[in-house]
Amino acid sequence: MFRIGDFSRLARVTIKTLHHYDEAGLLQPSHVDRQSGYRYYAASQLETLQRILLLKDLGFALEQIRELLHADAETWARTLDRRRAELTESIAADQSRLLRLTALQRTLDDNGTEPPPVVLREVPAVEVYSVRQRVPQLGAPMQALFEEAEAVVADIRSPTSPFTIFHDPDYRETDVDVEICIPVKHGAHRLATRIVPASPAMSCITYRGPYEQTSMLYSQLLQWLDRSGMRMSGPLREVYHRYGADQIGYRLPASVLTKDSAEYVTELQAPVTGV
């Protein structure tokens, strides 16, 4: 048998680590001298220690390792398969982050300035009163649709921000297939509504100022997606967090309103795959 100091040198672990594994119930000394308190380990325990170190390196928690040391072959196989799936998912997520980081670096190199931040997040489902129509151009025709819709849902409106869904496959400013959406309180009415489904991965750019920026930001978003190895999986959305409104036949909270287009706050959203 080996004293703990010799065993630690042979196994290339610290004495502190051996004490820790003893306290965790993973590897207890083969013998402890009652008088001196010296701990001794058998040569056969080297194999157990190496297995503990391997499992720890593979990311298993000490509690999982303790269970595996006494597990049968079927449990071993099932646990390793599960860990393999976890690592595969983690690697894919890190690869996606690396691509997005590279996209950010390239944008900085191209422009020499900080780009509009693109954030990936989950967007929940929302119940809306919507009107879909092809309009000759952006601006006044869409404003008129929003004014009419806001008046219709005045007494059942949700505080969630209104938005537009652009159903054309690419962003355009004339002859546009738009769906204006006003969030409403769920199930509290008989008005014809629909549920805009959730998006598990939505790339988002929030910007301040007039709507004329949208075309440029959409182009930047597409470049970012391309550099990140992702692609759009649905129509573009434009969410209005602060905006102007006539408020004829309805009233909105003052906190979301402004008459100055420089103070508008808008979020461009594009659902993506390849995350």
C-alpha atoms as a PDB file:
ATOM      1  CA  MET A   1       0.000   0.000   0.000  1.00  0.00           C
ATOM      2  CA  PHE A   2       1.008   3.619  -0.498  1.00  0.00           C
ATOM      3  CA  ARG A   3       0.914   6.478   1.985  1.00  0.00           C
ATOM      4  CA  ILE A   4      -1.256   9.322   0.745  1.00  0.00           C
ATOM      5  CA  GLY A   5       1.734  11.458  -0.257  1.00  0.00           C
ATOM      6  CA  ASP A   6       3.260   8.691  -2.361  1.00  0.00           C
ATOM      7  CA  PHE A   7      -0.120   7.806  -3.874  1.00  0.00           C
ATOM      8  CA  SER A   8      -0.759  11.428  -4.823  1.00  0.00           C
ATOM      9  CA  ARG A   9       2.616  11.677  -6.591  1.00  0.00           C
ATOM     10  CA  LEU A  10       2.058   8.387  -8.366  1.00  0.00           C
ATOM     11  CA  ALA A  11      -1.428   9.432  -9.507  1.00  0.00           C
ATOM     12  CA  ARG A  12      -0.367  13.050 -10.201  1.00  0.00           C
ATOM     13  CA  VAL A  13      -3.107  14.580  -8.080  1.00  0.00           C
ATOM     14  CA  THR A  14      -2.842  16.712  -4.964  1.00  0.00           C
ATOM     15  CA  ILE A  15      -3.347  15.438  -1.455  1.00  0.00           C
ATOM     16  CA  LYS A  16      -6.132  18.002  -1.153  1.00  0.00           C
ATOM     17  CA  THR A  17      -7.893  16.349  -4.109  1.00  0.00           C
ATOM     18  CA  LEU A  18      -7.660  12.928  -2.471  1.00  0.00           C
ATOM     19  CA  HIS A  19      -9.134  14.342   0.746  1.00  0.00           C
ATOM     20  CA  HIS A  20     -11.940  15.905  -1.301  1.00  0.00           C
ATOM     21  CA  TYR A  21     -12.742  12.637  -3.070  1.00  0.00           C
ATOM     22  CA  ASP A  22     -12.732  10.857   0.273  1.00  0.00           C
ATOM     23  CA  GLU A  23     -15.227  13.332   1.751  1.00  0.00           C
ATOM     24  CA  ALA A  24     -17.395  13.056  -1.374  1.00  0.00           C
ATOM     25  CA  GLY A  25     -17.544   9.276  -1.028  1.00  0.00           C
ATOM     26  CA  LEU A  26     -15.721   8.641  -4.296  1.00  0.00           C
ATOM     27  CA  LEU A  27     -12.395   7.191  -3.165  1.00  0.00           C
ATOM     28  CA  GLN A  28     -11.793   6.347   0.455  1.00  0.00           C
ATOM     29  CA  PRO A  29      -8.379   5.198   1.742  1.00  0.00           C
ATOM     30  CA  SER A  30      -7.868   1.453   1.813  1.00  0.00           C
ATOM     31  CA  HIS A  31      -6.573   1.776   5.365  1.00  0.00           C
ATOM     32  CA  VAL A  32      -6.278   4.512   7.995  1.00  0.00           C
ATOM     33  CA  ASP A  33      -3.831   4.019  10.855  1.00  0.00           C
ATOM     34  CA  ARG A  34      -5.764   4.539  14.084  1.00  0.00           C
ATOM     35  CA  GLN A  35      -2.791   5.883  16.002  1.00  0.00           C
ATOM     36  CA  SER A  36      -1.111   8.154  13.456  1.00  0.00           C
ATOM     37  CA  GLY A  37      -4.117   8.916  11.256  1.00  0.00           C
ATOM     38  CA  TYR A  38      -2.012   8.201   8.187  1.00  0.00           C
ATOM     39  CA  ARG A  39      -4.023   7.251   5.129  1.00  0.00           C
ATOM     40  CA  TYR A  40      -2.972   4.418   2.862  1.00  0.00           C
ATOM     41  CA  TYR A  41      -4.143   3.540  -0.630  1.00  0.00           C
ATOM     42  CA  ALA A  42      -3.903   0.251  -2.495  1.00  0.00           C
ATOM     43  CA  ALA A  43      -2.360   0.032  -5.964  1.00  0.00           C
ATOM     44  CA  SER A  44      -5.692  -1.282  -7.265  1.00  0.00           C
ATOM     45  CA  GLN A  45      -7.291   2.073  -6.378  1.00  0.00           C
ATOM     46  CA  LEU A  46      -5.271   3.805  -9.090  1.00  0.00           C
ATOM     47  CA  GLU A  47      -7.692   2.475 -11.692  1.00  0.00           C
ATOM     48  CA  THR A  48     -10.673   3.874  -9.768  1.00  0.00           C
ATOM     49  CA  LEU A  49      -8.951   7.242  -9.395  1.00  0.00           C
ATOM     50  CA  GLN A  50      -8.157   7.389 -13.117  1.00  0.00           C
ATOM     51  CA  ARG A  51     -11.804   6.664 -13.903  1.00  0.00           C
ATOM     52  CA  ILE A  52     -12.907   9.475 -11.570  1.00  0.00           C
ATOM     53  CA  LEU A  53     -10.502  11.902 -13.232  1.00  0.00           C
ATOM     54  CA  LEU A  54     -11.674  10.895 -16.695  1.00  0.00           C
ATOM     55  CA  LEU A  55     -15.345  11.360 -15.841  1.00  0.00           C
ATOM     56  CA  LYS A  56     -14.614  14.698 -14.184  1.00  0.00           C
ATOM     57  CA  ASP A  57     -12.764  15.826 -17.325  1.00  0.00           C
ATOM     58  CA  LEU A  58     -15.824  14.825 -19.386  1.00  0.00           C
ATOM     59  CA  GLY A  59     -17.940  17.223 -17.348  1.00  0.00           C
ATOM     60  CA  PHE A  60     -19.698  14.874 -14.936  1.00  0.00           C
ATOM     61  CA  ALA A  61     -20.559  16.192 -11.497  1.00  0.00           C
ATOM     62  CA  LEU A  62     -19.096  14.377  -8.477  1.00  0.00           C
ATOM     63  CA  GLU A  63     -22.547  13.092  -7.529  1.00  0.00           C
ATOM     64  CA  GLN A  64     -22.949  11.574 -11.002  1.00  0.00           C
ATOM     65  CA  ILE A  65     -19.472  10.045 -10.814  1.00  0.00           C
ATOM     66  CA  ARG A  66     -20.256   8.450  -7.445  1.00  0.00           C
ATOM     67  CA  GLU A  67     -23.353   6.803  -8.944  1.00  0.00           C
ATOM     68  CA  LEU A  68     -21.486   5.655 -12.048  1.00  0.00           C
ATOM     69  CA  LEU A  69     -18.735   3.976 -10.034  1.00  0.00           C
ATOM     70  CA  HIS A  70     -21.350   1.509  -8.794  1.00  0.00           C
ATOM     71  CA  ALA A  71     -23.484   1.353 -11.936  1.00  0.00           C
ATOM     72  CA  ASP A  72     -24.067  -1.595 -14.254  1.00  0.00           C
ATOM     73  CA  ALA A  73     -23.095  -1.641 -17.929  1.00  0.00           C
ATOM     74  CA  GLU A  74     -26.544  -0.568 -19.132  1.00  0.00           C
ATOM     75  CA  THR A  75     -26.550   2.507 -16.885  1.00  0.00           C
ATOM     76  CA  TRP A  76     -23.034   3.367 -18.039  1.00  0.00           C
ATOM     77  CA  ALA A  77     -24.066   3.207 -21.690  1.00  0.00           C
ATOM     78  CA  ARG A  78     -27.223   5.258 -21.132  1.00  0.00           C
ATOM     79  CA  THR A  79     -25.402   7.927 -19.116  1.00  0.00           C
ATOM     80  CA  LEU A  80     -22.574   8.247 -21.630  1.00  0.00           C
ATOM     81  CA  ASP A  81     -25.058   8.547 -24.498  1.00  0.00           C
ATOM     82  CA  ARG A  82     -26.855  11.344 -22.652  1.00  0.00           C
ATOM     83  CA  ARG A  83     -23.580  13.171 -21.965  1.00  0.00           C
ATOM     84  CA  ARG A  84     -22.556  12.793 -25.606  1.00  0.00           C
ATOM     85  CA  ALA A  85     -25.821  14.436 -26.691  1.00  0.00           C
ATOM     86  CA  GLU A  86     -25.247  17.276 -24.194  1.00  0.00           C
ATOM     87  CA  LEU A  87     -21.732  17.885 -25.477  1.00  0.00           C
ATOM     88  CA  THR A  88     -22.894  17.797 -29.105  1.00  0.00           C
ATOM     89  CA  GLU A  89     -25.552  20.406 -28.348  1.00  0.00           C
ATOM     90  CA  SER A  90     -23.059  22.554 -26.430  1.00  0.00           C
ATOM     91  CA  ILE A  91     -20.502  22.390 -29.257  1.00  0.00           C
ATOM     92  CA  ALA A  92     -23.145  23.422 -31.797  1.00  0.00           C
ATOM     93  CA  ALA A  93     -24.161  26.368 -29.603  1.00  0.00           C
ATOM     94  CA  ASP A  94     -20.524  27.460 -29.195  1.00  0.00           C
ATOM     95  CA  GLN A  95     -19.920  27.173 -32.940  1.00  0.00           C
ATOM     96  CA  SER A  96     -22.934  29.404 -33.537  1.00  0.00           C
ATOM     97  CA  ARG A  97     -21.609  31.940 -31.008  1.00  0.00           C
ATOM     98  CA  LEU A  98     -18.199  31.849 -32.707  1.00  0.00           C
ATOM     99  CA  LEU A  99     -19.782  32.614 -36.083  1.00  0.00           C
ATOM    100  CA  ARG A 100     -21.754  35.520 -34.597  1.00  0.00           C
ATOM    101  CA  LEU A 101     -18.599  36.833 -32.927  1.00  0.00           C
ATOM    102  CA  THR A 102     -16.759  36.655 -36.260  1.00  0.00           C
ATOM    103  CA  ALA A 103     -19.646  38.504 -37.919  1.00  0.00           C
ATOM    104  CA  LEU A 104     -19.404  41.247 -35.308  1.00  0.00           C
ATOM    105  CA  GLN A 105     -15.635  41.544 -35.770  1.00  0.00           C
ATOM    106  CA  ARG A 106     -15.971  41.782 -39.559  1.00  0.00           C
ATOM    107  CA  THR A 107     -18.619  44.472 -39.259  1.00  0.00           C
ATOM    108  CA  LEU A 108     -16.310  46.494 -37.048  1.00  0.00           C
ATOM    109  CA  ASP A 109     -13.482  46.014 -39.537  1.00  0.00           C
ATOM    110  CA  ASP A 110     -15.694  47.083 -42.452  1.00  0.00           C
ATOM    111  CA  ASN A 111     -17.178  50.186 -40.869  1.00  0.00           C
ATOM    112  CA  GLY A 112     -14.688  51.163 -38.220  1.00  0.00           C
ATOM    113  CA  THR A 113     -17.620  51.934 -35.906  1.00  0.00           C
ATOM    114  CA  GLU A 114     -19.802  49.961 -33.571  1.00  0.00           C
ATOM    115  CA  PRO A 115     -22.625  48.300 -35.558  1.00  0.00           C
ATOM    116  CA  PRO A 116     -26.247  48.204 -34.473  1.00  0.00           C
ATOM    117  CA  PRO A 117     -26.383  45.385 -31.938  1.00  0.00           C
ATOM    118  CA  VAL A 118     -28.038  42.193 -33.154  1.00  0.00           C
ATOM    119  CA  VAL A 119     -29.542  40.124 -30.350  1.00  0.00           C
ATOM    120  CA  LEU A 120     -30.862  36.586 -30.644  1.00  0.00           C
ATOM    121  CA  ARG A 121     -33.782  35.870 -28.354  1.00  0.00           C
ATOM    122  CA  GLU A 122     -37.010  33.955 -28.062  1.00  0.00           C
ATOM    123  CA  VAL A 123     -40.184  35.891 -28.888  1.00  0.00           C
ATOM    124  CA  PRO A 124     -43.404  34.590 -27.298  1.00  0.00           C
ATOM    125  CA  ALA A 125     -46.689  34.048 -29.087  1.00  0.00           C
ATOM    126  CA  VAL A 126     -49.134  36.956 -29.005  1.00  0.00           C
ATOM    127  CA  GLU A 127     -52.827  37.336 -29.741  1.00  0.00           C
ATOM    128  CA  VAL A 128     -53.503  40.186 -32.128  1.00  0.00           C
ATOM    129  CA  TYR A 129     -56.197  41.936 -34.086  1.00  0.00           C
ATOM    130  CA  SER A 130     -54.652  42.181 -37.528  1.00  0.00           C
ATOM    131  CA  VAL A 131     -55.373  43.656 -40.922  1.00  0.00           C
ATOM    132  CA  ARG A 132     -53.454  42.347 -43.907  1.00  0.00           C
ATOM    133  CA  GLN A 133     -53.391  44.441 -47.064  1.00  0.00           C
ATOM    134  CA  ARG A 134     -51.100  45.313 -49.952  1.00  0.00           C
ATOM    135  CA  VAL A 135     -50.308  49.013 -49.786  1.00  0.00           C
ATOM    136  CA  PRO A 136     -48.790  51.132 -52.572  1.00  0.00           C
ATOM    137  CA  GLN A 137     -46.078  52.443 -50.281  1.00  0.00           C
ATOM    138  CA  LEU A 138     -44.936  52.654 -46.697  1.00  0.00           C
ATOM    139  CA  GLY A 139     -45.821  55.643 -44.564  1.00  0.00           C
ATOM    140  CA  ALA A 140     -49.288  57.203 -44.767  1.00  0.00           C
ATOM    141  CA  PRO A 141     -51.187  54.092 -45.989  1.00  0.00           C
ATOM    142  CA  MET A 142     -49.825  52.027 -43.110  1.00  0.00           C
ATOM    143  CA  GLN A 143     -50.484  54.839 -40.643  1.00  0.00           C
ATOM    144  CA  ALA A 144     -54.125  54.860 -41.742  1.00  0.00           C
ATOM    145  CA  LEU A 145     -54.411  51.089 -41.199  1.00  0.00           C
ATOM    146  CA  PHE A 146     -52.982  51.398 -37.701  1.00  0.00           C
ATOM    147  CA  GLU A 147     -55.319  54.270 -36.805  1.00  0.00           C
ATOM    148  CA  GLU A 148     -58.383  52.290 -37.886  1.00  0.00           C
ATOM    149  CA  ALA A 149     -57.246  49.136 -36.083  1.00  0.00           C
ATOM    150  CA  GLU A 150     -56.399  50.969 -32.858  1.00  0.00           C
ATOM    151  CA  ALA A 151     -59.920  52.449 -32.779  1.00  0.00           C
ATOM    152  CA  VAL A 152     -61.455  48.984 -33.258  1.00  0.00           C
ATOM    153  CA  VAL A 153     -59.590  47.410 -30.318  1.00  0.00           C
ATOM    154  CA  ALA A 154     -59.516  50.440 -28.015  1.00  0.00           C
ATOM    155  CA  ASP A 155     -61.291  48.690 -25.124  1.00  0.00           C
ATOM    156  CA  ILE A 156     -59.488  45.330 -25.369  1.00  0.00           C
ATOM    157  CA  ARG A 157     -55.986  46.438 -26.294  1.00  0.00           C
ATOM    158  CA  SER A 158     -52.964  44.855 -24.619  1.00  0.00           C
ATOM    159  CA  PRO A 159     -50.049  47.090 -23.514  1.00  0.00           C
ATOM    160  CA  THR A 160     -47.711  45.025 -25.716  1.00  0.00           C
ATOM    161  CA  SER A 161     -46.132  46.978 -28.580  1.00  0.00           C
ATOM    162  CA  PRO A 162     -47.890  46.898 -31.972  1.00  0.00           C
ATOM    163  CA  PHE A 163     -46.002  45.625 -35.001  1.00  0.00           C
ATOM    164  CA  THR A 164     -46.049  45.062 -38.735  1.00  0.00           C
ATOM    165  CA  ILE A 165     -45.364  41.768 -40.497  1.00  0.00           C
ATOM    166  CA  PHE A 166     -43.896  42.187 -43.984  1.00  0.00           C
ATOM    167  CA  HIS A 167     -45.113  39.166 -45.943  1.00  0.00           C
ATOM    168  CA  ASP A 168     -43.070  39.819 -49.071  1.00  0.00           C
ATOM    169  CA  PRO A 169     -39.964  37.596 -49.195  1.00  0.00           C
ATOM    170  CA  ASP A 170     -37.711  40.653 -49.236  1.00  0.00           C
ATOM    171  CA  TYR A 171     -38.009  44.088 -47.733  1.00  0.00           C
ATOM    172  CA  ARG A 172     -39.474  46.704 -50.085  1.00  0.00           C
ATOM    173  CA  GLU A 173     -40.881  50.194 -49.781  1.00  0.00           C
ATOM    174  CA  THR A 174     -43.522  50.146 -52.570  1.00  0.00           C
ATOM    175  CA  ASP A 175     -46.341  47.700 -53.376  1.00  0.00           C
ATOM    176  CA  VAL A 176     -45.927  46.046 -49.973  1.00  0.00           C
ATOM    177  CA  ASP A 177     -47.858  43.094 -48.534  1.00  0.00           C
ATOM    178  CA  VAL A 178     -48.198  44.137 -44.886  1.00  0.00           C
ATOM    179  CA  GLU A 179     -50.096  42.847 -41.883  1.00  0.00           C
ATOM    180  CA  ILE A 180     -50.505  45.387 -39.111  1.00  0.00           C
ATOM    181  CA  CYS A 181     -50.937  43.733 -35.707  1.00  0.00           C
ATOM    182  CA  ILE A 182     -52.374  45.234 -32.528  1.00  0.00           C
ATOM    183  CA  PRO A 183     -51.925  42.994 -29.451  1.00  0.00           C
ATOM    184  CA  VAL A 184     -55.161  42.386 -27.522  1.00  0.00           C
ATOM    185  CA  LYS A 185     -56.110  40.871 -24.194  1.00  0.00           C
ATOM    186  CA  HIS A 186     -56.418  37.135 -24.573  1.00  0.00           C
ATOM    187  CA  GLY A 187     -59.917  35.695 -24.771  1.00  0.00           C
ATOM    188  CA  ALA A 188     -61.698  38.761 -23.378  1.00  0.00           C
ATOM    189  CA  HIS A 189     -63.777  39.565 -26.464  1.00  0.00           C
ATOM    190  CA  ARG A 190     -65.610  38.249 -29.514  1.00  0.00           C
ATOM    191  CA  LEU A 191     -63.522  40.115 -32.041  1.00  0.00           C
ATOM    192  CA  ALA A 192     -61.866  38.048 -34.776  1.00  0.00           C
ATOM    193  CA  THR A 193     -58.212  37.716 -33.766  1.00  0.00           C
ATOM    194  CA  ARG A 194     -55.328  35.405 -34.443  1.00  0.00           C
ATOM    195  CA  ILE A 195     -52.299  34.083 -32.587  1.00  0.00           C
ATOM    196  CA  VAL A 196     -48.959  35.112 -34.050  1.00  0.00           C
ATOM    197  CA  PRO A 197     -46.847  32.082 -33.146  1.00  0.00           C
ATOM    198  CA  ALA A 198     -43.774  32.209 -30.962  1.00  0.00           C
ATOM    199  CA  SER A 199     -40.321  32.292 -32.496  1.00  0.00           C
ATOM    200  CA  PRO A 200     -37.625  30.317 -30.640  1.00  0.00           C
ATOM    201  CA  ALA A 201     -34.841  32.289 -32.342  1.00  0.00           C
ATOM    202  CA  MET A 202     -35.465  35.868 -33.423  1.00  0.00           C
ATOM    203  CA  SER A 203     -32.625  38.156 -34.526  1.00  0.00           C
ATOM    204  CA  CYS A 204     -33.431  41.666 -33.345  1.00  0.00           C
ATOM    205  CA  ILE A 205     -32.080  45.168 -33.923  1.00  0.00           C
ATOM    206  CA  THR A 206     -33.564  48.005 -31.865  1.00  0.00           C
ATOM    207  CA  TYR A 207     -32.961  51.473 -33.257  1.00  0.00           C
ATOM    208  CA  ARG A 208     -33.922  55.036 -32.479  1.00  0.00           C
ATOM    209  CA  GLY A 209     -35.032  57.574 -35.028  1.00  0.00           C
ATOM    210  CA  PRO A 210     -37.130  57.760 -38.204  1.00  0.00           C
ATOM    211  CA  TYR A 211     -38.381  54.715 -40.091  1.00  0.00           C
ATOM    212  CA  GLU A 212     -36.237  55.564 -43.118  1.00  0.00           C
ATOM    213  CA  GLN A 213     -33.421  53.639 -41.393  1.00  0.00           C
ATOM    214  CA  THR A 214     -35.206  50.319 -41.816  1.00  0.00           C
ATOM    215  CA  SER A 215     -33.950  49.534 -45.316  1.00  0.00           C
ATOM    216  CA  MET A 216     -30.302  50.110 -44.333  1.00  0.00           C
ATOM    217  CA  LEU A 217     -30.646  48.138 -41.098  1.00  0.00           C
ATOM    218  CA  TYR A 218     -32.360  45.272 -42.888  1.00  0.00           C
ATOM    219  CA  SER A 219     -29.387  45.060 -45.250  1.00  0.00           C
ATOM    220  CA  GLN A 220     -26.990  45.049 -42.295  1.00  0.00           C
ATOM    221  CA  LEU A 221     -29.063  42.351 -40.601  1.00  0.00           C
ATOM    222  CA  LEU A 222     -28.870  40.130 -43.698  1.00  0.00           C
ATOM    223  CA  GLN A 223     -25.103  40.570 -43.819  1.00  0.00           C
ATOM    224  CA  TRP A 224     -24.847  39.684 -40.145  1.00  0.00           C
ATOM    225  CA  LEU A 225     -26.962  36.549 -40.650  1.00  0.00           C
ATOM    226  CA  ASP A 226     -24.830  35.475 -43.598  1.00  0.00           C
ATOM    227  CA  ARG A 227     -21.627  35.916 -41.619  1.00  0.00           C
ATOM    228  CA  SER A 228     -23.159  34.060 -38.675  1.00  0.00           C
ATOM    229  CA  GLY A 229     -24.128  31.039 -40.782  1.00  0.00           C
ATOM    230  CA  MET A 230     -27.864  31.587 -40.283  1.00  0.00           C
ATOM    231  CA  ARG A 231     -30.777  32.335 -42.571  1.00  0.00           C
ATOM    232  CA  MET A 232     -34.199  33.887 -42.208  1.00  0.00           C
ATOM    233  CA  SER A 233     -37.011  31.411 -41.596  1.00  0.00           C
ATOM    234  CA  GLY A 234     -40.020  33.722 -41.786  1.00  0.00           C
ATOM    235  CA  PRO A 235     -41.238  37.221 -42.584  1.00  0.00           C
ATOM    236  CA  LEU A 236     -39.639  40.350 -41.233  1.00  0.00           C
ATOM    237  CA  ARG A 237     -41.353  42.208 -38.386  1.00  0.00           C
ATOM    238  CA  GLU A 238     -41.159  45.834 -37.343  1.00  0.00           C
ATOM    239  CA  VAL A 239     -42.142  46.431 -33.725  1.00  0.00           C
ATOM    240  CA  TYR A 240     -43.035  49.937 -32.548  1.00  0.00           C
ATOM    241  CA  HIS A 241     -42.045  50.682 -28.960  1.00  0.00           C
ATOM    242  CA  ARG A 242     -42.308  54.491 -29.251  1.00  0.00           C
ATOM    243  CA  TYR A 243     -44.082  56.177 -32.110  1.00  0.00           C
ATOM    244  CA  GLY A 244     -46.542  58.817 -33.245  1.00  0.00           C
ATOM    245  CA  ALA A 245     -50.321  58.376 -33.393  1.00  0.00           C
ATOM    246  CA  ASP A 246     -53.381  60.561 -34.073  1.00  0.00           C
ATOM    247  CA  GLN A 247     -55.445  58.870 -31.300  1.00  0.00           C
ATOM    248  CA  ILE A 248     -58.805  59.498 -32.962  1.00  0.00           C
ATOM    249  CA  GLY A 249     -61.318  57.328 -31.122  1.00  0.00           C
ATOM    250  CA  TYR A 250     -58.764  55.761 -28.785  1.00  0.00           C
ATOM    251  CA  ARG A 251     -56.061  56.696 -26.276  1.00  0.00           C
ATOM    252  CA  LEU A 252     -52.571  55.314 -25.750  1.00  0.00           C
ATOM    253  CA  PRO A 253     -50.176  55.741 -22.797  1.00  0.00           C
ATOM    254  CA  ALA A 254     -48.119  58.919 -23.057  1.00  0.00           C
ATOM    255  CA  SER A 255     -44.949  56.891 -22.461  1.00  0.00           C
ATOM    256  CA  VAL A 256     -45.186  55.258 -25.908  1.00  0.00           C
ATOM    257  CA  LEU A 257     -45.999  58.430 -27.841  1.00  0.00           C
ATOM    258  CA  THR A 258     -43.852  61.155 -29.367  1.00  0.00           C
ATOM    259  CA  LYS A 259     -44.344  63.713 -32.108  1.00  0.00           C
ATOM    260  CA  ASP A 260     -40.643  63.829 -32.902  1.00  0.00           C
ATOM    261  CA  SER A 261     -39.565  61.060 -35.308  1.00  0.00           C
ATOM    262  CA  ALA A 262     -36.026  61.348 -33.922  1.00  0.00           C
ATOM    263  CA  GLU A 263     -37.411  59.886 -30.686  1.00  0.00           C
ATOM    264  CA  TYR A 264     -39.080  56.858 -32.296  1.00  0.00           C
ATOM    265  CA  VAL A 265     -37.919  53.499 -30.921  1.00  0.00           C
ATOM    266  CA  THR A 266     -38.367  50.591 -33.306  1.00  0.00           C
ATOM    267  CA  GLU A 267     -37.262  46.975 -33.279  1.00  0.00           C
ATOM    268  CA  LEU A 268     -36.516  45.059 -36.456  1.00  0.00           C
ATOM    269  CA  GLN A 269     -37.104  41.319 -36.007  1.00  0.00           C
ATOM    270  CA  ALA A 270     -36.249  38.412 -38.302  1.00  0.00           C
ATOM    271  CA  PRO A 271     -36.823  34.744 -37.316  1.00  0.00           C
ATOM    272  CA  VAL A 272     -33.815  32.588 -38.100  1.00  0.00           C
ATOM    273  CA  THR A 273     -32.631  28.987 -38.345  1.00  0.00           C
ATOM    274  CA  GLY A 274     -29.155  27.576 -38.054  1.00  0.00           C
ATOM    275  CA  VAL A 275     -28.662  28.722 -34.456  1.00  0.00           C
END
